[in-house]
Each structure stands twice: as C-alpha cells, then as structure tokens.
Amino acid sequence: MALLLVFEGLLPLISPGGWRRLFEQMLAMSNGQIRFFGLCSIVIGLISLALLT
C-alpha cells in the first residue's frame, strides 16, 4: 500500500500541469469508461501478484 502511494505521488510531483490535464480528461469520461479502466487495473494487479508469488 505504501508503494502505491509513492507511485501515485510521482506524477503530481514531476509534472503538476500534466497531472491536472490527465485529471480533467478523466472527469470528462463516462462512468462506464472509468469502470472499464478500473477493471483493467484490477486484472493487471492480480496478474502481477500471481507472477510475483
């Protein structure tokens, strides 16, 4: 969990303008698109955990 916070903090630290644009684009997405990306993130995370253990 701590490593996730480190990775999530890198983009706003390195490029606050890019982070703001990315966030604005995410706000323009529909709920279905956001759910799809959330599902993809979960699947990739589970696959990564399975490969590491």
PDB file of N, CA and C in Angstrom:
ATOM      1  N   MET A   1       0.818  -1.180   0.000  1.00  0.00           N
ATOM      2  CA  MET A   1       0.000   0.000   0.000  1.00  0.00           C
ATOM      3  C   MET A   1       0.872   1.258   0.000  1.00  0.00           C
ATOM      4  N   ALA A   2       1.949   1.223   0.769  1.00  0.00           N
ATOM      5  CA  ALA A   2       2.842   2.381   0.825  1.00  0.00           C
ATOM      6  C   ALA A   2       3.502   2.620  -0.532  1.00  0.00           C
ATOM      7  N   LEU A   3       3.876   1.551  -1.215  1.00  0.00           N
ATOM      8  CA  LEU A   3       4.496   1.692  -2.530  1.00  0.00           C
ATOM      9  C   LEU A   3       3.507   2.282  -3.529  1.00  0.00           C
ATOM     10  N   LEU A   4       2.247   1.945  -3.430  1.00  0.00           N
ATOM     11  CA  LEU A   4       1.216   2.522  -4.294  1.00  0.00           C
ATOM     12  C   LEU A   4       1.133   4.035  -4.097  1.00  0.00           C
ATOM     13  N   LEU A   5       1.204   4.488  -2.866  1.00  0.00           N
ATOM     14  CA  LEU A   5       1.175   5.922  -2.592  1.00  0.00           C
ATOM     15  C   LEU A   5       2.397   6.631  -3.168  1.00  0.00           C
ATOM     16  N   VAL A   6       3.542   5.977  -3.126  1.00  0.00           N
ATOM     17  CA  VAL A   6       4.754   6.551  -3.716  1.00  0.00           C
ATOM     18  C   VAL A   6       4.562   6.721  -5.217  1.00  0.00           C
ATOM     19  N   PHE A   7       4.077   5.681  -5.898  1.00  0.00           N
ATOM     20  CA  PHE A   7       3.882   5.752  -7.351  1.00  0.00           C
ATOM     21  C   PHE A   7       2.826   6.790  -7.720  1.00  0.00           C
ATOM     22  N   GLU A   8       1.755   6.869  -6.946  1.00  0.00           N
ATOM     23  CA  GLU A   8       0.706   7.841  -7.242  1.00  0.00           C
ATOM     24  C   GLU A   8       1.165   9.274  -7.016  1.00  0.00           C
ATOM     25  N   GLY A   9       2.125   9.475  -6.149  1.00  0.00           N
ATOM     26  CA  GLY A   9       2.628  10.809  -5.883  1.00  0.00           C
ATOM     27  C   GLY A   9       3.668  11.293  -6.875  1.00  0.00           C
ATOM     28  N   LEU A  10       4.211  10.392  -7.692  1.00  0.00           N
ATOM     29  CA  LEU A  10       5.271  10.785  -8.619  1.00  0.00           C
ATOM     30  C   LEU A  10       4.794  11.747  -9.706  1.00  0.00           C
ATOM     31  N   LEU A  11       3.664  11.464 -10.336  1.00  0.00           N
ATOM     32  CA  LEU A  11       3.206  12.311 -11.444  1.00  0.00           C
ATOM     33  C   LEU A  11       2.901  13.737 -10.993  1.00  0.00           C
ATOM     34  N   PRO A  12       2.145  13.952  -9.901  1.00  0.00           N
ATOM     35  CA  PRO A  12       1.923  15.343  -9.474  1.00  0.00           C
ATOM     36  C   PRO A  12       3.218  16.047  -9.071  1.00  0.00           C
ATOM     37  N   LEU A  13       4.180  15.302  -8.551  1.00  0.00           N
ATOM     38  CA  LEU A  13       5.453  15.895  -8.160  1.00  0.00           C
ATOM     39  C   LEU A  13       6.273  16.305  -9.374  1.00  0.00           C
ATOM     40  N   ILE A  14       6.342  15.415 -10.362  1.00  0.00           N
ATOM     41  CA  ILE A  14       7.181  15.658 -11.541  1.00  0.00           C
ATOM     42  C   ILE A  14       6.524  16.627 -12.508  1.00  0.00           C
ATOM     43  N   SER A  15       5.219  16.458 -12.757  1.00  0.00           N
ATOM     44  CA  SER A  15       4.536  17.278 -13.752  1.00  0.00           C
ATOM     45  C   SER A  15       3.137  17.646 -13.276  1.00  0.00           C
ATOM     46  N   PRO A  16       3.021  18.687 -12.471  1.00  0.00           N
ATOM     47  CA  PRO A  16       1.695  19.050 -11.969  1.00  0.00           C
ATOM     48  C   PRO A  16       0.727  19.460 -13.078  1.00  0.00           C
ATOM     49  N   GLY A  17       1.225  20.109 -14.122  1.00  0.00           N
ATOM     50  CA  GLY A  17       0.350  20.504 -15.235  1.00  0.00           C
ATOM     51  C   GLY A  17      -0.175  19.294 -15.988  1.00  0.00           C
ATOM     52  N   GLY A  18       0.687  18.316 -16.223  1.00  0.00           N
ATOM     53  CA  GLY A  18       0.273  17.085 -16.895  1.00  0.00           C
ATOM     54  C   GLY A  18      -0.712  16.303 -16.057  1.00  0.00           C
ATOM     55  N   TRP A  19      -0.503  16.296 -14.744  1.00  0.00           N
ATOM     56  CA  TRP A  19      -1.423  15.606 -13.848  1.00  0.00           C
ATOM     57  C   TRP A  19      -2.796  16.265 -13.888  1.00  0.00           C
ATOM     58  N   ARG A  20      -2.815  17.601 -13.911  1.00  0.00           N
ATOM     59  CA  ARG A  20      -4.084  18.329 -13.952  1.00  0.00           C
ATOM     60  C   ARG A  20      -4.841  18.034 -15.250  1.00  0.00           C
ATOM     61  N   ARG A  21      -4.109  18.011 -16.394  1.00  0.00           N
ATOM     62  CA  ARG A  21      -4.756  17.704 -17.682  1.00  0.00           C
ATOM     63  C   ARG A  21      -5.308  16.281 -17.683  1.00  0.00           C
ATOM     64  N   LEU A  22      -4.538  15.345 -17.150  1.00  0.00           N
ATOM     65  CA  LEU A  22      -4.987  13.953 -17.072  1.00  0.00           C
ATOM     66  C   LEU A  22      -6.251  13.849 -16.221  1.00  0.00           C
ATOM     67  N   PHE A  23      -6.271  14.549 -15.113  1.00  0.00           N
ATOM     68  CA  PHE A  23      -7.418  14.513 -14.218  1.00  0.00           C
ATOM     69  C   PHE A  23      -8.648  15.117 -14.889  1.00  0.00           C
ATOM     70  N   GLU A  24      -8.462  16.216 -15.633  1.00  0.00           N
ATOM     71  CA  GLU A  24      -9.578  16.831 -16.354  1.00  0.00           C
ATOM     72  C   GLU A  24     -10.130  15.887 -17.420  1.00  0.00           C
ATOM     73  N   GLN A  25      -9.259  15.147 -18.101  1.00  0.00           N
ATOM     74  CA  GLN A  25      -9.713  14.182 -19.101  1.00  0.00           C
ATOM     75  C   GLN A  25     -10.488  13.050 -18.434  1.00  0.00           C
ATOM     76  N   MET A  26     -10.044  12.628 -17.250  1.00  0.00           N
ATOM     77  CA  MET A  26     -10.757  11.571 -16.541  1.00  0.00           C
ATOM     78  C   MET A  26     -12.146  12.037 -16.119  1.00  0.00           C
ATOM     79  N   LEU A  27     -12.270  13.303 -15.728  1.00  0.00           N
ATOM     80  CA  LEU A  27     -13.580  13.829 -15.332  1.00  0.00           C
ATOM     81  C   LEU A  27     -14.551  13.866 -16.504  1.00  0.00           C
ATOM     82  N   ALA A  28     -14.025  13.966 -17.731  1.00  0.00           N
ATOM     83  CA  ALA A  28     -14.877  14.011 -18.914  1.00  0.00           C
ATOM     84  C   ALA A  28     -15.337  12.621 -19.361  1.00  0.00           C
ATOM     85  N   MET A  29     -14.761  11.560 -18.783  1.00  0.00           N
ATOM     86  CA  MET A  29     -15.121  10.188 -19.167  1.00  0.00           C
ATOM     87  C   MET A  29     -16.476   9.806 -18.577  1.00  0.00           C
ATOM     88  N   SER A  30     -17.129   8.859 -19.250  1.00  0.00           N
ATOM     89  CA  SER A  30     -18.388   8.333 -18.714  1.00  0.00           C
ATOM     90  C   SER A  30     -18.091   7.339 -17.587  1.00  0.00           C
ATOM     91  N   ASN A  31     -19.114   7.017 -16.815  1.00  0.00           N
ATOM     92  CA  ASN A  31     -18.934   6.053 -15.725  1.00  0.00           C
ATOM     93  C   ASN A  31     -18.488   4.693 -16.245  1.00  0.00           C
ATOM     94  N   GLY A  32     -19.014   4.290 -17.393  1.00  0.00           N
ATOM     95  CA  GLY A  32     -18.638   3.003 -17.975  1.00  0.00           C
ATOM     96  C   GLY A  32     -17.160   2.947 -18.338  1.00  0.00           C
ATOM     97  N   GLN A  33     -16.645   4.040 -18.891  1.00  0.00           N
ATOM     98  CA  GLN A  33     -15.226   4.079 -19.251  1.00  0.00           C
ATOM     99  C   GLN A  33     -14.351   4.018 -18.002  1.00  0.00           C
ATOM    100  N   ILE A  34     -14.741   4.727 -16.970  1.00  0.00           N
ATOM    101  CA  ILE A  34     -13.966   4.708 -15.722  1.00  0.00           C
ATOM    102  C   ILE A  34     -13.997   3.317 -15.101  1.00  0.00           C
ATOM    103  N   ARG A  35     -15.157   2.666 -15.128  1.00  0.00           N
ATOM    104  CA  ARG A  35     -15.259   1.298 -14.596  1.00  0.00           C
ATOM    105  C   ARG A  35     -14.383   0.333 -15.386  1.00  0.00           C
ATOM    106  N   PHE A  36     -14.343   0.503 -16.719  1.00  0.00           N
ATOM    107  CA  PHE A  36     -13.520  -0.369 -17.558  1.00  0.00           C
ATOM    108  C   PHE A  36     -12.049  -0.229 -17.184  1.00  0.00           C
ATOM    109  N   PHE A  37     -11.562   1.003 -17.020  1.00  0.00           N
ATOM    110  CA  PHE A  37     -10.165   1.203 -16.644  1.00  0.00           C
ATOM    111  C   PHE A  37      -9.887   0.672 -15.240  1.00  0.00           C
ATOM    112  N   GLY A  38     -10.857   0.804 -14.340  1.00  0.00           N
ATOM    113  CA  GLY A  38     -10.703   0.229 -13.007  1.00  0.00           C
ATOM    114  C   GLY A  38     -10.598  -1.282 -13.059  1.00  0.00           C
ATOM    115  N   LEU A  39     -11.434  -1.912 -13.882  1.00  0.00           N
ATOM    116  CA  LEU A  39     -11.388  -3.363 -14.043  1.00  0.00           C
ATOM    117  C   LEU A  39     -10.047  -3.804 -14.628  1.00  0.00           C
ATOM    118  N   CYS A  40      -9.584  -3.093 -15.649  1.00  0.00           N
ATOM    119  CA  CYS A  40      -8.278  -3.418 -16.256  1.00  0.00           C
ATOM    120  C   CYS A  40      -7.163  -3.303 -15.226  1.00  0.00           C
ATOM    121  N   SER A  41      -7.223  -2.272 -14.396  1.00  0.00           N
ATOM    122  CA  SER A  41      -6.207  -2.081 -13.361  1.00  0.00           C
ATOM    123  C   SER A  41      -6.217  -3.230 -12.358  1.00  0.00           C
ATOM    124  N   ILE A  42      -7.402  -3.675 -11.967  1.00  0.00           N
ATOM    125  CA  ILE A  42      -7.514  -4.796 -11.031  1.00  0.00           C
ATOM    126  C   ILE A  42      -6.947  -6.065 -11.645  1.00  0.00           C
ATOM    127  N   VAL A  43      -7.298  -6.341 -12.899  1.00  0.00           N
ATOM    128  CA  VAL A  43      -6.816  -7.557 -13.570  1.00  0.00           C
ATOM    129  C   VAL A  43      -5.296  -7.535 -13.692  1.00  0.00           C
ATOM    130  N   ILE A  44      -4.737  -6.405 -14.102  1.00  0.00           N
ATOM    131  CA  ILE A  44      -3.281  -6.299 -14.237  1.00  0.00           C
ATOM    132  C   ILE A  44      -2.605  -6.475 -12.876  1.00  0.00           C
ATOM    133  N   GLY A  45      -3.184  -5.893 -11.834  1.00  0.00           N
ATOM    134  CA  GLY A  45      -2.630  -6.057 -10.493  1.00  0.00           C
ATOM    135  C   GLY A  45      -2.671  -7.491 -10.017  1.00  0.00           C
ATOM    136  N   LEU A  46      -3.790  -8.184 -10.275  1.00  0.00           N
ATOM    137  CA  LEU A  46      -3.886  -9.594  -9.859  1.00  0.00           C
ATOM    138  C   LEU A  46      -2.917 -10.477 -10.631  1.00  0.00           C
ATOM    139  N   ILE A  47      -2.763 -10.223 -11.908  1.00  0.00           N
ATOM    140  CA  ILE A  47      -1.808 -10.989 -12.714  1.00  0.00           C
ATOM    141  C   ILE A  47      -0.389 -10.741 -12.200  1.00  0.00           C
ATOM    142  N   SER A  48      -0.074  -9.491 -11.905  1.00  0.00           N
ATOM    143  CA  SER A  48       1.256  -9.163 -11.383  1.00  0.00           C
ATOM    144  C   SER A  48       1.516  -9.864 -10.050  1.00  0.00           C
ATOM    145  N   LEU A  49       0.520  -9.860  -9.176  1.00  0.00           N
ATOM    146  CA  LEU A  49       0.680 -10.566  -7.893  1.00  0.00           C
ATOM    147  C   LEU A  49       0.877 -12.056  -8.100  1.00  0.00           C
ATOM    148  N   ALA A  50       0.134 -12.637  -9.028  1.00  0.00           N
ATOM    149  CA  ALA A  50       0.258 -14.068  -9.286  1.00  0.00           C
ATOM    150  C   ALA A  50       1.645 -14.412  -9.826  1.00  0.00           C
ATOM    151  N   LEU A  51       2.183 -13.540 -10.661  1.00  0.00           N
ATOM    152  CA  LEU A  51       3.503 -13.795 -11.219  1.00  0.00           C
ATOM    153  C   LEU A  51       4.615 -13.599 -10.195  1.00  0.00           C
ATOM    154  N   LEU A  52       4.403 -12.725  -9.232  1.00  0.00           N
ATOM    155  CA  LEU A  52       5.434 -12.446  -8.237  1.00  0.00           C
ATOM    156  C   LEU A  52       5.439 -13.450  -7.084  1.00  0.00           C
ATOM    157  N   THR A  53       4.350 -14.163  -6.899  1.00  0.00           N
ATOM    158  CA  THR A  53       4.301 -15.110  -5.768  1.00  0.00           C
ATOM    159  C   THR A  53       4.473 -16.531  -6.228  1.00  0.00           C
TER     160      THR A  53
END
